[in-house]
Amino acid sequence: MKHFEIIDKYLSNQMNKEEEKDFLEKAANDPELKMELQAQQDLNNYLEIKSERDKFKIQVKDILAHRNQKPVIRLKKYYPVAASIIVLVSLSVLVFIFTPDKNERLFNKYYETYQFSSIERSSTEVAANNSEKAYSTYSNEKYTEFIQLVEKDMLLESEPFMMQLLYASALMETDQVQKAIPVLEEMYVKENLYVETVKWYLALSYLKTGDQEKAKKLLQEISKNDSFYAKNANLIQKKLK
């Protein structure tokens, strides 16, 4: 694995907070590093489970070594138990590796790419050619290219909230949720027309990244408002209990 050493350092808690922050940001933007990190995490969890299974085997062997005058009868008691545990452990490993966690499943179920209308676009400020190209690229679902255009031309500094929202949505669409969070957080504290959508995307982002406390707080806030997202916010809260 190309990034084995840095991944091992992260998983063994040998990084300081700054190093850990830089590593997670890099992993969010590097598909190869992200894939290797996930593989190493899966392997570590498998080895932990395997270690427990090996301990059980040692205990069984110890029982065999100290059996009394009726070894055959006593040994038969342990065979079904040992076999059952081994099967359960194996199935647990497979489930862990191939099944997304609850947060991931909820994000995938309720997240939808933001679609902006021509009416919304015409109500914004008159944009330069590079901005128009960015909007067109987003409309054509070329999210990676859109992100590159926004960052290259620094459009977030000059464009209205619409561009920021589309940028955050494109980051989420390309599995860069960690990078989308600060964009959404900045929008959340400012008065804008898209505040309910910002809250919804931010809640889903917190959920995907494992920050359930922040996610629940925002979901409760969304539920109290009679918005488009209130019903789904309630459904997610019920599933998190």
Protein backbone atom coordinates (compact mmCIF):
# COMPACT_ATOMS: atom_id res chain seq x y z
CA MET A 1 0.00 0.00 0.00
CA LYS A 2 1.37 3.37 -1.08
CA HIS A 3 0.30 5.27 2.06
CA PHE A 4 0.76 2.48 4.60
CA GLU A 5 3.05 4.34 7.02
CA ILE A 6 0.95 7.49 7.34
CA ILE A 7 -2.27 5.46 7.61
CA ASP A 8 -0.72 3.27 10.30
CA LYS A 9 0.36 6.36 12.21
CA TYR A 10 -3.20 7.70 12.07
CA LEU A 11 -4.86 4.43 13.10
CA SER A 12 -2.42 3.91 15.99
CA ASN A 13 -3.20 7.42 17.35
CA GLN A 14 0.37 8.65 16.89
CA MET A 15 -0.64 11.95 15.23
CA ASN A 16 -1.17 15.23 17.01
CA LYS A 17 -4.35 17.19 16.34
CA GLU A 18 -2.83 19.26 13.54
CA GLU A 19 -1.39 16.22 11.78
CA GLU A 20 -4.69 14.37 12.13
CA LYS A 21 -6.60 17.33 10.67
CA ASP A 22 -4.23 17.57 7.69
CA PHE A 23 -4.43 13.81 7.13
CA LEU A 24 -8.25 13.74 7.14
CA GLU A 25 -8.40 16.68 4.73
CA LYS A 26 -5.97 14.94 2.43
CA ALA A 27 -7.94 11.68 2.61
CA ALA A 28 -11.15 13.53 1.75
CA ASN A 29 -9.57 14.85 -1.44
CA ASP A 30 -7.50 11.82 -2.44
CA PRO A 31 -9.65 8.84 -3.56
CA GLU A 32 -6.66 6.46 -3.51
CA LEU A 33 -5.68 7.42 0.04
CA LYS A 34 -9.30 7.19 1.17
CA MET A 35 -9.65 3.70 -0.30
CA GLU A 36 -6.42 2.52 1.36
CA LEU A 37 -7.53 4.00 4.69
CA GLN A 38 -10.85 2.15 4.52
CA ALA A 39 -9.09 -1.10 3.61
CA GLN A 40 -6.64 -0.75 6.51
CA GLN A 41 -9.49 0.01 8.94
CA ASP A 42 -11.39 -3.06 7.75
CA LEU A 43 -8.28 -5.20 8.12
CA ASN A 44 -7.58 -3.93 11.63
CA ASN A 45 -11.13 -4.66 12.73
CA TYR A 46 -10.93 -8.12 11.23
CA LEU A 47 -7.66 -8.82 13.06
CA GLU A 48 -9.17 -7.67 16.36
CA ILE A 49 -12.07 -10.10 15.90
CA LYS A 50 -9.66 -12.82 14.79
CA SER A 51 -7.58 -12.22 17.92
CA GLU A 52 -10.63 -12.88 20.11
CA ARG A 53 -11.37 -16.05 18.14
CA ASP A 54 -7.76 -17.21 18.59
CA LYS A 55 -8.03 -16.67 22.34
CA PHE A 56 -11.11 -18.87 22.38
CA LYS A 57 -9.24 -21.58 20.47
CA ILE A 58 -6.48 -21.47 23.08
CA GLN A 59 -9.06 -21.90 25.85
CA VAL A 60 -10.55 -24.89 24.03
CA LYS A 61 -7.10 -26.44 23.64
CA ASP A 62 -6.45 -25.88 27.34
CA ILE A 63 -9.66 -27.71 28.16
CA LEU A 64 -8.58 -30.57 25.92
CA ALA A 65 -5.20 -30.73 27.59
CA HIS A 66 -6.73 -30.98 31.07
CA ARG A 67 -9.64 -33.27 30.38
CA ASN A 68 -10.55 -35.84 33.06
CA GLN A 69 -11.40 -39.55 32.90
CA LYS A 70 -14.25 -39.08 30.42
CA PRO A 71 -12.55 -37.02 27.72
CA VAL A 72 -14.69 -38.03 24.74
CA ILE A 73 -17.99 -37.11 26.39
CA ARG A 74 -16.69 -33.80 27.69
CA LEU A 75 -15.01 -32.82 24.46
CA LYS A 76 -18.18 -33.27 22.47
CA LYS A 77 -19.79 -30.52 24.51
CA TYR A 78 -17.35 -27.95 23.18
CA TYR A 79 -17.33 -28.80 19.50
CA PRO A 80 -20.76 -27.27 18.67
CA VAL A 81 -19.98 -24.18 20.75
CA ALA A 82 -16.60 -23.65 19.10
CA ALA A 83 -18.05 -24.18 15.63
CA SER A 84 -20.93 -21.80 16.31
CA ILE A 85 -18.67 -19.03 17.56
CA ILE A 86 -16.31 -19.38 14.60
CA VAL A 87 -19.25 -19.14 12.18
CA LEU A 88 -20.70 -16.11 13.98
CA VAL A 89 -17.35 -14.34 14.03
CA SER A 90 -16.84 -14.98 10.32
CA LEU A 91 -20.29 -13.66 9.49
CA SER A 92 -19.70 -10.61 11.67
CA VAL A 93 -16.53 -9.79 9.78
CA LEU A 94 -18.32 -10.06 6.43
CA VAL A 95 -21.21 -7.89 7.62
CA PHE A 96 -18.80 -5.29 9.00
CA ILE A 97 -16.79 -5.09 5.78
CA PHE A 98 -19.62 -5.04 3.26
CA THR A 99 -22.43 -3.21 5.13
CA PRO A 100 -22.31 0.60 5.48
CA ASP A 101 -22.95 1.89 9.01
CA LYS A 102 -26.27 3.48 9.94
CA ASN A 103 -25.06 7.04 9.38
CA GLU A 104 -23.78 6.18 5.91
CA ARG A 105 -27.07 4.48 4.98
CA LEU A 106 -29.14 7.42 6.18
CA PHE A 107 -26.98 9.89 4.28
CA ASN A 108 -27.26 7.87 1.07
CA LYS A 109 -31.02 7.58 1.46
CA TYR A 110 -31.83 11.23 2.12
CA TYR A 111 -29.12 13.16 0.30
CA GLU A 112 -30.05 14.61 -3.09
CA THR A 113 -27.96 16.92 -5.26
CA TYR A 114 -29.22 20.48 -5.17
CA GLN A 115 -30.98 21.43 -8.39
CA PHE A 116 -31.27 25.15 -9.05
CA SER A 117 -33.79 26.64 -11.48
CA SER A 118 -33.36 29.26 -14.17
CA ILE A 119 -35.56 31.56 -12.07
CA GLU A 120 -33.12 31.35 -9.18
CA ARG A 121 -30.21 31.97 -11.52
CA SER A 122 -31.78 35.07 -13.12
CA SER A 123 -32.39 36.61 -9.69
CA THR A 124 -28.69 36.64 -8.83
CA GLU A 125 -26.19 39.30 -9.75
CA VAL A 126 -24.92 39.51 -13.31
CA ALA A 127 -21.90 37.21 -13.41
CA ALA A 128 -18.72 37.23 -15.47
CA ASN A 129 -18.06 34.65 -18.15
CA ASN A 130 -16.18 32.31 -15.84
CA SER A 131 -19.15 32.28 -13.43
CA GLU A 132 -21.55 31.52 -16.26
CA LYS A 133 -19.33 28.64 -17.31
CA ALA A 134 -19.32 27.31 -13.74
CA TYR A 135 -23.13 27.40 -13.53
CA SER A 136 -23.40 25.63 -16.87
CA THR A 137 -20.90 22.97 -15.77
CA TYR A 138 -22.91 22.28 -12.61
CA SER A 139 -26.14 22.02 -14.60
CA ASN A 140 -24.49 19.37 -16.78
CA GLU A 141 -23.59 17.38 -13.64
CA LYS A 142 -19.84 17.79 -14.18
CA TYR A 143 -19.26 18.30 -10.46
CA THR A 144 -15.51 17.72 -10.34
CA GLU A 145 -14.96 20.21 -13.17
CA PHE A 146 -17.31 22.66 -11.44
CA ILE A 147 -15.30 22.45 -8.21
CA GLN A 148 -12.08 23.09 -10.11
CA LEU A 149 -13.58 26.15 -11.83
CA VAL A 150 -14.85 27.60 -8.56
CA GLU A 151 -11.53 27.12 -6.79
CA LYS A 152 -9.41 28.25 -9.74
CA ASP A 153 -11.33 31.49 -10.28
CA MET A 154 -12.02 32.06 -6.55
CA LEU A 155 -15.71 32.46 -7.31
CA LEU A 156 -16.77 32.02 -3.68
CA GLU A 157 -15.26 35.41 -2.88
CA SER A 158 -17.24 37.36 -5.47
CA GLU A 159 -20.39 35.35 -6.11
CA PRO A 160 -23.68 35.31 -4.14
CA PHE A 161 -24.83 32.51 -1.87
CA MET A 162 -26.06 30.45 -4.80
CA MET A 163 -22.51 29.65 -5.89
CA GLN A 164 -21.54 28.64 -2.35
CA LEU A 165 -24.50 26.30 -2.06
CA LEU A 166 -23.75 24.66 -5.40
CA TYR A 167 -20.10 24.34 -4.41
CA ALA A 168 -21.04 22.57 -1.17
CA SER A 169 -23.46 20.30 -3.03
CA ALA A 170 -20.79 19.42 -5.61
CA LEU A 171 -18.34 18.55 -2.84
CA MET A 172 -20.92 16.26 -1.25
CA GLU A 173 -21.68 14.72 -4.63
CA THR A 174 -17.98 13.88 -5.11
CA ASP A 175 -17.64 12.39 -1.61
CA GLN A 176 -15.80 15.38 -0.14
CA VAL A 177 -18.25 15.95 2.70
CA GLN A 178 -15.55 16.95 5.19
CA LYS A 179 -14.56 19.79 2.86
CA ALA A 180 -18.19 20.86 2.37
CA ILE A 181 -18.84 21.31 6.10
CA PRO A 182 -16.96 24.62 6.63
CA VAL A 183 -18.63 26.09 3.52
CA LEU A 184 -22.07 25.19 4.87
CA GLU A 185 -21.18 26.35 8.39
CA GLU A 186 -20.19 29.75 7.02
CA MET A 187 -23.50 30.03 5.17
CA TYR A 188 -25.46 28.84 8.19
CA VAL A 189 -24.44 31.80 10.37
CA LYS A 190 -25.30 34.35 7.66
CA GLU A 191 -28.77 35.46 6.65
CA ASN A 192 -29.62 34.09 3.21
CA LEU A 193 -32.49 32.70 1.15
CA TYR A 194 -31.16 29.14 1.28
CA VAL A 195 -30.87 28.75 5.05
CA GLU A 196 -33.23 25.74 5.28
CA THR A 197 -31.36 23.88 2.53
CA VAL A 198 -28.06 24.80 4.19
CA LYS A 199 -29.29 23.40 7.51
CA TRP A 200 -30.40 20.17 5.81
CA TYR A 201 -27.12 19.63 3.97
CA LEU A 202 -25.12 20.49 7.08
CA ALA A 203 -27.12 18.02 9.19
CA LEU A 204 -26.53 15.27 6.61
CA SER A 205 -22.84 16.15 6.45
CA TYR A 206 -22.48 15.90 10.22
CA LEU A 207 -24.32 12.58 10.07
CA LYS A 208 -22.03 11.14 7.38
CA THR A 209 -18.87 12.20 9.22
CA GLY A 210 -20.08 10.65 12.49
CA ASP A 211 -20.88 13.84 14.43
CA GLN A 212 -24.30 12.71 15.60
CA GLU A 213 -24.69 15.36 18.31
CA LYS A 214 -24.41 18.24 15.86
CA ALA A 215 -26.58 16.38 13.36
CA LYS A 216 -29.34 15.79 15.92
CA LYS A 217 -29.28 19.42 17.02
CA LEU A 218 -29.79 20.65 13.47
CA LEU A 219 -32.40 17.99 12.68
CA GLN A 220 -34.41 19.12 15.71
CA GLU A 221 -34.17 22.71 14.50
CA ILE A 222 -35.35 21.71 11.02
CA SER A 223 -38.25 19.69 12.48
CA LYS A 224 -39.59 22.71 14.33
CA ASN A 225 -39.88 24.71 11.12
CA ASP A 226 -42.57 24.06 8.55
CA SER A 227 -40.01 23.53 5.79
CA PHE A 228 -39.64 21.10 2.91
CA TYR A 229 -37.13 19.06 4.93
CA ALA A 230 -39.10 18.79 8.21
CA LYS A 231 -40.68 15.39 7.47
CA ASN A 232 -37.40 13.71 6.55
CA ALA A 233 -35.67 15.33 9.52
CA ASN A 234 -38.23 13.68 11.81
CA LEU A 235 -37.75 10.31 10.12
CA ILE A 236 -33.97 10.43 10.55
CA GLN A 237 -34.31 11.37 14.23
CA LYS A 238 -36.50 8.35 14.85
CA LYS A 239 -33.97 6.06 13.18
CA LEU A 240 -31.13 7.48 15.28
CA LYS A 241 -32.85 6.58 18.56
